Amino acid sequence: MSKVKVGIIFGGKSAEHEVSLQSAKNIVDAIDKDKYEVVLIGIDKHGKWYLNDQSSYLLHAENPKLIQLNKSNNPVAIIPGQTDQQLIHADSAGMLGQLDVVFPIVHGTLGEDGSLQGMLRLANLPFVGANVLGSALCMDKDIAKRLLTHAGINVAKGFAFTKAKKNTINYQEVVDAIGTPIFIKPANQGSSVGVSKVDTEAEFYEAVEDAFQYDHKIIIEESIKGREIEISVLGNAEPIASVPGEILPQTEFYSYESKYIDEKGAKLEIPAQLDEEIVKKMQEVAIHAFLELQCEGLARVDFFLTEDGKIYVNEINTLPGFTRISMYPKLWQESGISYPELINQLIKLAIERHQADADLKSSAWND
């Protein structure tokens, strides 16, 4: 029986480039080599695609602070609209061979915001994770929170401002509405990139400037005092939720460095020590949020749990990290799904979704 050919796309132009490299390495290490043939496609920080060899695709692979894409001399191009042989490369001026499915583990901008997903749809390639709409909705924290609020799910109070409205941002008005401390973050970033926690007016305006370096829209939110709980979700139309895990940051808040570089930056308690009733409720909210925001395949739902038992959804990540200290795979391991089996299920879900899309009529007329 021939192996399933899986294209792993990783890297990218976003601020989470190095996280993606770590995620790709873990997936390559864990994937069942007897079942899958891996094709590695690395994207550099300028957005160029390369076909990479599995033996040499990373530099400093064991050091999260120094890890780099080892760019090959074999650039890759994509041909939209075809039903096979969608990718070509320069080395042999020919085809890569047909990919059966793509695992796009490109975090952040142009990776999990619907851009890459739209291109893969145009290329008629099955891919792991949310489709275009779900990816875009979850990436924009402002829009996601509006939809969650409409669905009756608790989120932090706050404001959204575009760059055109930056001059209308007033510290005292914000403090009067939501108090201090205040969180300021880009609306379309992940992994705590550009996020600041502030207490003073000077810090506030400095943080606003910093957040606008990463996006054209920012959100300013109240600080919710509570435990940081995360739940992994897996599935398409009938998703399931993992056991919850708790983040115990050893720093001011769960920063980029704490998540992906400093293994001592936060303690992970898996499973979280919670009453069974609270666990069940949080799993229900995780699935509710997953479906409301049109997610598919996988997502990690991040919560705040207050002392009085109130549950807030902080955000939903449709392509969560797969690094060695990432919560998404760790939660499933604790829930009884091993890393290789998790990858297997994600690939299966991607192919099922692609087939369901292919079965839809695209026109009222026959071709």
Protein backbone atom coordinates (compact mmCIF):
# COMPACT_ATOMS: atom_id res chain seq x y z
CA MET A 1 0.00 0.00 0.00
CA SER A 2 1.47 3.39 -1.03
CA LYS A 3 2.13 6.00 1.61
CA VAL A 4 0.05 9.16 1.94
CA LYS A 5 2.15 12.12 0.75
CA VAL A 6 1.92 14.95 3.29
CA GLY A 7 3.23 18.42 2.48
CA ILE A 8 4.30 20.21 5.66
CA ILE A 9 4.40 23.97 5.03
CA PHE A 10 6.22 25.95 7.71
CA GLY A 11 8.08 29.18 8.45
CA GLY A 12 6.49 32.29 6.96
CA LYS A 13 6.76 36.07 7.13
CA SER A 14 5.09 36.60 10.50
CA ALA A 15 6.65 37.38 13.86
CA GLU A 16 6.01 33.74 14.76
CA HIS A 17 8.40 32.37 12.12
CA GLU A 18 10.69 30.62 14.62
CA VAL A 19 7.74 29.08 16.48
CA SER A 20 6.59 27.56 13.20
CA LEU A 21 10.03 26.03 12.65
CA GLN A 22 9.84 24.39 16.07
CA SER A 23 6.31 23.12 15.38
CA ALA A 24 7.37 21.65 12.03
CA LYS A 25 10.29 19.83 13.63
CA ASN A 26 8.04 18.22 16.23
CA ILE A 27 5.51 17.13 13.61
CA VAL A 28 8.24 15.67 11.38
CA ASP A 29 9.72 13.81 14.35
CA ALA A 30 6.35 12.41 15.48
CA ILE A 31 4.59 11.56 12.21
CA ASP A 32 4.23 7.87 11.37
CA LYS A 33 6.90 7.33 8.70
CA ASP A 34 5.45 3.92 7.82
CA LYS A 35 2.16 5.55 6.84
CA TYR A 36 3.19 8.97 5.54
CA GLU A 37 5.76 10.31 3.12
CA VAL A 38 6.78 13.81 4.21
CA VAL A 39 7.45 16.66 1.77
CA LEU A 40 8.91 19.75 3.47
CA ILE A 41 8.12 23.21 2.10
CA GLY A 42 9.79 26.02 4.02
CA ILE A 43 8.78 29.67 3.68
CA ASP A 44 11.47 32.22 4.45
CA LYS A 45 10.93 35.58 6.15
CA HIS A 46 10.45 37.25 2.76
CA GLY A 47 7.65 34.85 1.81
CA LYS A 48 9.60 32.71 -0.68
CA TRP A 49 8.84 28.99 -0.77
CA TYR A 50 11.51 26.27 -0.90
CA LEU A 51 11.52 22.50 -1.19
CA ASN A 52 13.66 21.26 1.70
CA ASP A 53 15.45 18.03 2.45
CA GLN A 54 14.47 16.35 5.70
CA SER A 55 18.11 15.91 6.72
CA SER A 56 19.01 19.59 6.52
CA TYR A 57 15.92 21.81 6.60
CA LEU A 58 16.78 23.53 9.90
CA LEU A 59 19.81 25.20 11.42
CA HIS A 60 20.31 25.11 15.22
CA ALA A 61 17.23 22.91 15.42
CA GLU A 62 17.61 22.18 19.14
CA ASN A 63 17.94 25.81 20.21
CA PRO A 64 14.66 27.82 20.12
CA LYS A 65 16.59 31.10 20.35
CA LEU A 66 18.81 30.34 17.34
CA ILE A 67 16.66 28.06 15.16
CA GLN A 68 16.60 29.05 11.46
CA LEU A 69 15.25 27.81 8.14
CA ASN A 70 18.07 26.37 6.05
CA LYS A 71 16.95 27.70 2.69
CA SER A 72 17.54 25.32 -0.21
CA ASN A 73 18.36 26.22 -3.79
CA ASN A 74 15.06 24.70 -4.85
CA PRO A 75 12.23 27.29 -4.91
CA VAL A 76 8.62 26.14 -5.16
CA ALA A 77 5.67 27.65 -7.03
CA ILE A 78 1.98 26.79 -6.89
CA ILE A 79 -0.45 26.45 -9.80
CA PRO A 80 -4.02 27.36 -8.78
CA GLY A 81 -7.01 25.65 -10.35
CA GLN A 82 -5.47 22.26 -11.10
CA THR A 83 -6.77 19.08 -9.53
CA ASP A 84 -3.34 17.44 -9.45
CA GLN A 85 0.35 18.32 -9.76
CA GLN A 86 -0.33 21.76 -8.25
CA LEU A 87 3.23 22.39 -7.06
CA ILE A 88 6.35 22.76 -9.19
CA HIS A 89 9.97 23.31 -8.23
CA ALA A 90 13.07 24.59 -9.98
CA ASP A 91 15.51 21.76 -9.38
CA SER A 92 14.15 19.47 -12.05
CA ALA A 93 11.87 22.05 -13.70
CA GLY A 94 9.12 19.58 -12.98
CA MET A 95 6.52 18.52 -10.46
CA LEU A 96 6.89 17.61 -6.81
CA GLY A 97 4.61 14.67 -7.27
CA GLN A 98 1.03 14.77 -6.11
CA LEU A 99 0.48 15.82 -2.50
CA ASP A 100 -2.42 14.00 -0.87
CA VAL A 101 -2.80 16.52 1.96
CA VAL A 102 -1.08 19.61 3.35
CA PHE A 103 -0.28 20.32 6.99
CA PRO A 104 0.16 24.14 7.07
CA ILE A 105 1.87 24.84 10.36
CA VAL A 106 2.53 28.51 9.56
CA HIS A 107 1.60 30.54 12.64
CA GLY A 108 0.45 34.14 12.62
CA THR A 109 -0.07 36.59 9.76
CA LEU A 110 -0.42 35.01 6.28
CA GLY A 111 -0.41 31.59 7.90
CA GLU A 112 -3.49 31.21 10.07
CA ASP A 113 -5.49 34.26 9.00
CA GLY A 114 -7.11 32.61 5.97
CA SER A 115 -4.52 33.75 3.41
CA LEU A 116 -2.68 30.45 3.08
CA GLN A 117 -5.93 28.52 3.44
CA GLY A 118 -7.47 30.44 0.52
CA MET A 119 -4.49 29.66 -1.69
CA LEU A 120 -4.64 25.96 -0.82
CA ARG A 121 -8.34 25.94 -1.67
CA LEU A 122 -7.60 27.54 -5.04
CA ALA A 123 -5.02 24.81 -5.59
CA ASN A 124 -7.57 22.08 -4.72
CA LEU A 125 -5.37 20.69 -1.97
CA PRO A 126 -6.78 19.19 1.24
CA PHE A 127 -5.29 20.88 4.29
CA VAL A 128 -5.30 20.49 8.05
CA GLY A 129 -7.16 23.05 10.13
CA ALA A 130 -9.87 25.66 9.75
CA ASN A 131 -11.01 26.85 6.36
CA VAL A 132 -10.74 30.46 5.15
CA LEU A 133 -13.60 31.93 7.19
CA GLY A 134 -12.82 30.22 10.49
CA SER A 135 -9.15 31.13 10.19
CA ALA A 136 -9.89 34.79 9.49
CA LEU A 137 -12.51 35.11 12.23
CA CYS A 138 -10.30 33.67 14.96
CA MET A 139 -7.25 35.67 13.88
CA ASP A 140 -9.11 38.96 14.29
CA LYS A 141 -9.62 39.14 18.07
CA ASP A 142 -12.01 42.07 17.74
CA ILE A 143 -14.40 40.29 15.37
CA ALA A 144 -14.06 36.99 17.24
CA LYS A 145 -15.05 38.61 20.54
CA ARG A 146 -18.06 40.32 18.95
CA LEU A 147 -19.32 36.97 17.63
CA LEU A 148 -18.64 35.18 20.92
CA THR A 149 -20.55 37.89 22.80
CA HIS A 150 -23.47 37.48 20.39
CA ALA A 151 -23.38 33.74 21.12
CA GLY A 152 -23.67 34.37 24.86
CA ILE A 153 -20.05 33.55 25.67
CA ASN A 154 -18.23 35.79 28.16
CA VAL A 155 -15.23 37.80 26.91
CA ALA A 156 -13.20 40.64 28.42
CA LYS A 157 -14.59 44.16 28.12
CA GLY A 158 -12.62 46.46 25.89
CA PHE A 159 -12.26 48.64 22.82
CA ALA A 160 -10.97 48.28 19.27
CA PHE A 161 -9.23 51.08 17.38
CA THR A 162 -7.94 51.25 13.83
CA LYS A 163 -4.79 53.22 13.04
CA ALA A 164 -6.96 55.93 11.45
CA LYS A 165 -8.61 56.44 14.87
CA LYS A 166 -5.39 56.37 16.91
CA ASN A 167 -5.65 60.05 17.83
CA THR A 168 -9.03 59.42 19.49
CA ILE A 169 -7.57 56.96 22.03
CA ASN A 170 -7.83 58.54 25.47
CA TYR A 171 -6.18 56.96 28.50
CA GLN A 172 -8.54 58.40 31.09
CA GLU A 173 -11.65 57.38 29.17
CA VAL A 174 -10.33 53.83 28.94
CA VAL A 175 -9.47 53.70 32.64
CA ASP A 176 -12.91 55.07 33.59
CA ALA A 177 -14.53 52.27 31.54
CA ILE A 178 -12.38 49.22 32.36
CA GLY A 179 -9.97 50.20 35.14
CA THR A 180 -6.33 49.15 35.44
CA PRO A 181 -4.20 47.23 34.72
CA ILE A 182 -4.91 47.25 30.98
CA PHE A 183 -3.91 44.86 28.21
CA ILE A 184 -3.09 46.32 24.79
CA LYS A 185 -2.55 44.01 21.83
CA PRO A 186 -2.62 43.88 18.02
CA ALA A 187 -5.99 42.58 16.81
CA ASN A 188 -4.41 40.20 14.30
CA GLN A 189 -1.42 38.62 15.98
CA GLY A 190 -0.84 35.57 18.12
CA SER A 191 1.60 34.17 20.67
CA SER A 192 1.60 37.37 22.75
CA VAL A 193 3.45 39.28 20.00
CA GLY A 194 3.06 43.03 20.57
CA VAL A 195 1.08 42.51 23.79
CA SER A 196 1.61 44.81 26.78
CA LYS A 197 0.20 44.97 30.29
CA VAL A 198 0.19 48.56 31.56
CA ASP A 199 -0.69 50.50 34.70
CA THR A 200 0.27 54.08 33.91
CA GLU A 201 -0.55 56.69 31.28
CA ALA A 202 3.01 56.76 29.96
CA GLU A 203 3.09 52.97 29.61
CA PHE A 204 -0.35 53.08 27.96
CA TYR A 205 0.60 55.33 25.04
CA GLU A 206 3.93 53.55 24.57
CA ALA A 207 2.08 50.22 24.37
CA VAL A 208 -0.41 51.64 21.85
CA GLU A 209 2.48 52.67 19.58
CA ASP A 210 4.08 49.24 19.97
CA ALA A 211 0.88 47.33 19.14
CA PHE A 212 0.32 49.42 16.01
CA GLN A 213 3.70 48.25 14.71
CA TYR A 214 2.17 44.81 14.21
CA ASP A 215 -1.33 45.55 12.93
CA HIS A 216 -3.64 48.27 11.59
CA LYS A 217 -6.09 47.58 14.42
CA ILE A 218 -5.51 47.11 18.14
CA ILE A 219 -7.67 46.06 21.05
CA ILE A 220 -7.54 47.50 24.56
CA GLU A 221 -8.96 45.19 27.22
CA GLU A 222 -9.66 44.96 30.90
CA SER A 223 -7.45 42.70 32.97
CA ILE A 224 -9.37 39.70 34.27
CA LYS A 225 -8.06 38.22 37.49
CA GLY A 226 -8.37 34.49 37.15
CA ARG A 227 -6.70 31.19 36.40
CA GLU A 228 -5.44 30.67 32.83
CA ILE A 229 -6.97 27.47 31.48
CA GLU A 230 -6.59 25.98 28.00
CA ILE A 231 -8.57 23.24 26.24
CA SER A 232 -7.75 21.57 22.93
CA VAL A 233 -10.54 20.84 20.46
CA LEU A 234 -10.41 18.25 17.68
CA GLY A 235 -12.92 17.52 14.92
CA ASN A 236 -15.07 18.98 12.17
CA ALA A 237 -18.85 19.03 12.56
CA GLU A 238 -18.80 16.99 15.80
CA PRO A 239 -15.68 18.09 17.69
CA ILE A 240 -14.42 16.74 20.99
CA ALA A 241 -12.62 18.58 23.81
CA SER A 242 -9.53 17.51 25.72
CA VAL A 243 -8.92 17.65 29.44
CA PRO A 244 -8.10 21.20 30.55
CA GLY A 245 -4.59 22.38 31.32
CA GLU A 246 -3.56 25.32 33.47
CA ILE A 247 -0.87 27.87 32.70
CA LEU A 248 1.03 29.01 35.78
CA PRO A 249 3.21 31.88 34.45
CA GLN A 250 6.41 32.58 36.30
CA THR A 251 6.54 36.07 34.78
CA GLU A 252 4.17 39.09 34.64
CA PHE A 253 2.02 37.36 32.03
CA TYR A 254 2.24 34.44 29.60
CA SER A 255 4.63 36.07 27.14
CA TYR A 256 6.02 34.93 23.79
CA GLU A 257 9.27 33.86 25.49
CA SER A 258 7.40 31.91 28.16
CA LYS A 259 5.39 30.04 25.53
CA TYR A 260 8.11 29.03 23.11
CA ILE A 261 11.65 29.73 24.33
CA ASP A 262 12.02 29.61 28.11
CA GLU A 263 10.89 26.20 29.36
CA LYS A 264 10.92 27.63 32.90
CA GLY A 265 8.85 30.66 31.91
CA ALA A 266 5.63 28.92 32.90
CA LYS A 267 4.51 25.75 34.62
CA LEU A 268 1.90 23.62 32.86
CA GLU A 269 -0.44 21.65 35.08
CA ILE A 270 -2.10 18.91 33.04
CA PRO A 271 -4.79 18.12 33.83
CA ALA A 272 -5.77 21.29 35.65
CA GLN A 273 -7.04 20.75 39.17
CA LEU A 274 -10.69 21.65 38.70
CA ASP A 275 -14.04 20.36 39.89
CA GLU A 276 -15.63 17.90 37.48
CA GLU A 277 -18.61 20.21 36.96
CA ILE A 278 -16.34 23.13 35.96
CA VAL A 279 -14.37 20.88 33.61
CA LYS A 280 -17.55 19.76 31.87
CA LYS A 281 -18.79 23.35 31.55
CA MET A 282 -15.49 24.60 30.12
CA GLN A 283 -15.38 21.76 27.60
CA GLU A 284 -18.93 22.67 26.51
CA VAL A 285 -17.96 26.33 26.11
CA ALA A 286 -14.82 25.35 24.17
CA ILE A 287 -16.86 23.33 21.68
CA HIS A 288 -19.54 26.05 21.49
CA ALA A 289 -16.90 28.69 20.69
CA PHE A 290 -15.18 26.39 18.19
CA LEU A 291 -18.41 25.89 16.25
CA GLU A 292 -19.59 29.52 16.51
CA LEU A 293 -16.34 30.74 14.95
CA GLN A 294 -16.51 28.18 12.11
CA CYS A 295 -13.43 26.24 13.22
CA GLU A 296 -12.56 22.84 11.77
CA GLY A 297 -9.89 20.28 12.43
CA LEU A 298 -8.20 21.75 15.48
CA ALA A 299 -8.10 24.73 17.78
CA ARG A 300 -6.90 25.63 21.25
CA VAL A 301 -9.39 27.61 23.32
CA ASP A 302 -7.86 29.85 26.00
CA PHE A 303 -9.89 30.78 29.08
CA PHE A 304 -9.84 32.82 32.24
CA LEU A 305 -11.60 31.23 35.22
CA THR A 306 -12.41 33.67 38.03
CA GLU A 307 -12.65 32.86 41.74
CA ASP A 308 -16.45 32.98 41.57
CA GLY A 309 -16.49 30.40 38.76
CA LYS A 310 -17.16 32.73 35.84
CA ILE A 311 -15.71 31.50 32.53
CA TYR A 312 -14.26 33.92 29.97
CA VAL A 313 -12.91 32.97 26.54
CA ASN A 314 -9.72 34.91 25.92
CA GLU A 315 -9.01 33.73 22.38
CA ILE A 316 -9.11 30.77 19.99
CA ASN A 317 -6.00 29.68 18.12
CA THR A 318 -6.74 27.73 14.94
CA LEU A 319 -3.12 26.63 14.34
CA PRO A 320 -1.74 26.29 17.87
CA GLY A 321 1.91 25.59 18.50
CA PHE A 322 3.25 22.07 18.17
CA THR A 323 6.56 22.80 19.90
CA ARG A 324 7.91 20.50 22.59
CA ILE A 325 6.37 22.71 25.32
CA SER A 326 3.08 23.47 23.52
CA MET A 327 -0.23 22.80 25.24
CA TYR A 328 -2.24 21.56 22.27
CA PRO A 329 -0.52 18.17 21.79
CA LYS A 330 0.23 17.81 25.52
CA LEU A 331 -3.48 18.08 26.37
CA TRP A 332 -4.36 15.38 23.87
CA GLN A 333 -1.62 13.11 25.17
CA GLU A 334 -3.15 13.44 28.64
CA SER A 335 -6.59 12.76 27.09
CA GLY A 336 -5.40 9.48 25.57
CA ILE A 337 -4.39 10.51 22.03
CA SER A 338 -0.68 10.13 21.33
CA TYR A 339 1.26 12.65 19.23
CA PRO A 340 1.46 10.36 16.16
CA GLU A 341 -2.23 9.46 16.44
CA LEU A 342 -3.17 13.13 16.81
CA ILE A 343 -1.38 13.92 13.54
CA ASN A 344 -3.10 10.95 11.93
CA GLN A 345 -6.54 12.17 13.02
CA LEU A 346 -5.86 15.73 11.84
CA ILE A 347 -4.87 14.46 8.40
CA LYS A 348 -7.97 12.27 8.25
CA LEU A 349 -10.21 15.23 9.17
CA ALA A 350 -8.57 17.36 6.46
CA ILE A 351 -9.22 14.76 3.77
CA GLU A 352 -12.82 14.25 4.92
CA ARG A 353 -13.50 17.99 4.81
CA HIS A 354 -11.92 18.30 1.36
CA GLN A 355 -14.09 15.48 0.04
CA ALA A 356 -17.20 17.11 1.47
CA ASP A 357 -16.26 20.37 -0.30
CA ALA A 358 -15.65 18.49 -3.55
CA ASP A 359 -19.14 16.96 -3.36
CA LEU A 360 -20.79 20.39 -3.41
CA LYS A 361 -22.15 21.71 -6.69
CA SER A 362 -20.15 24.72 -7.85
CA SER A 363 -22.63 25.88 -10.48
CA ALA A 364 -26.27 25.60 -11.50
CA TRP A 365 -25.02 24.36 -14.87
CA ASN A 366 -22.94 21.35 -15.77
CA ASP A 367 -19.37 22.03 -16.88
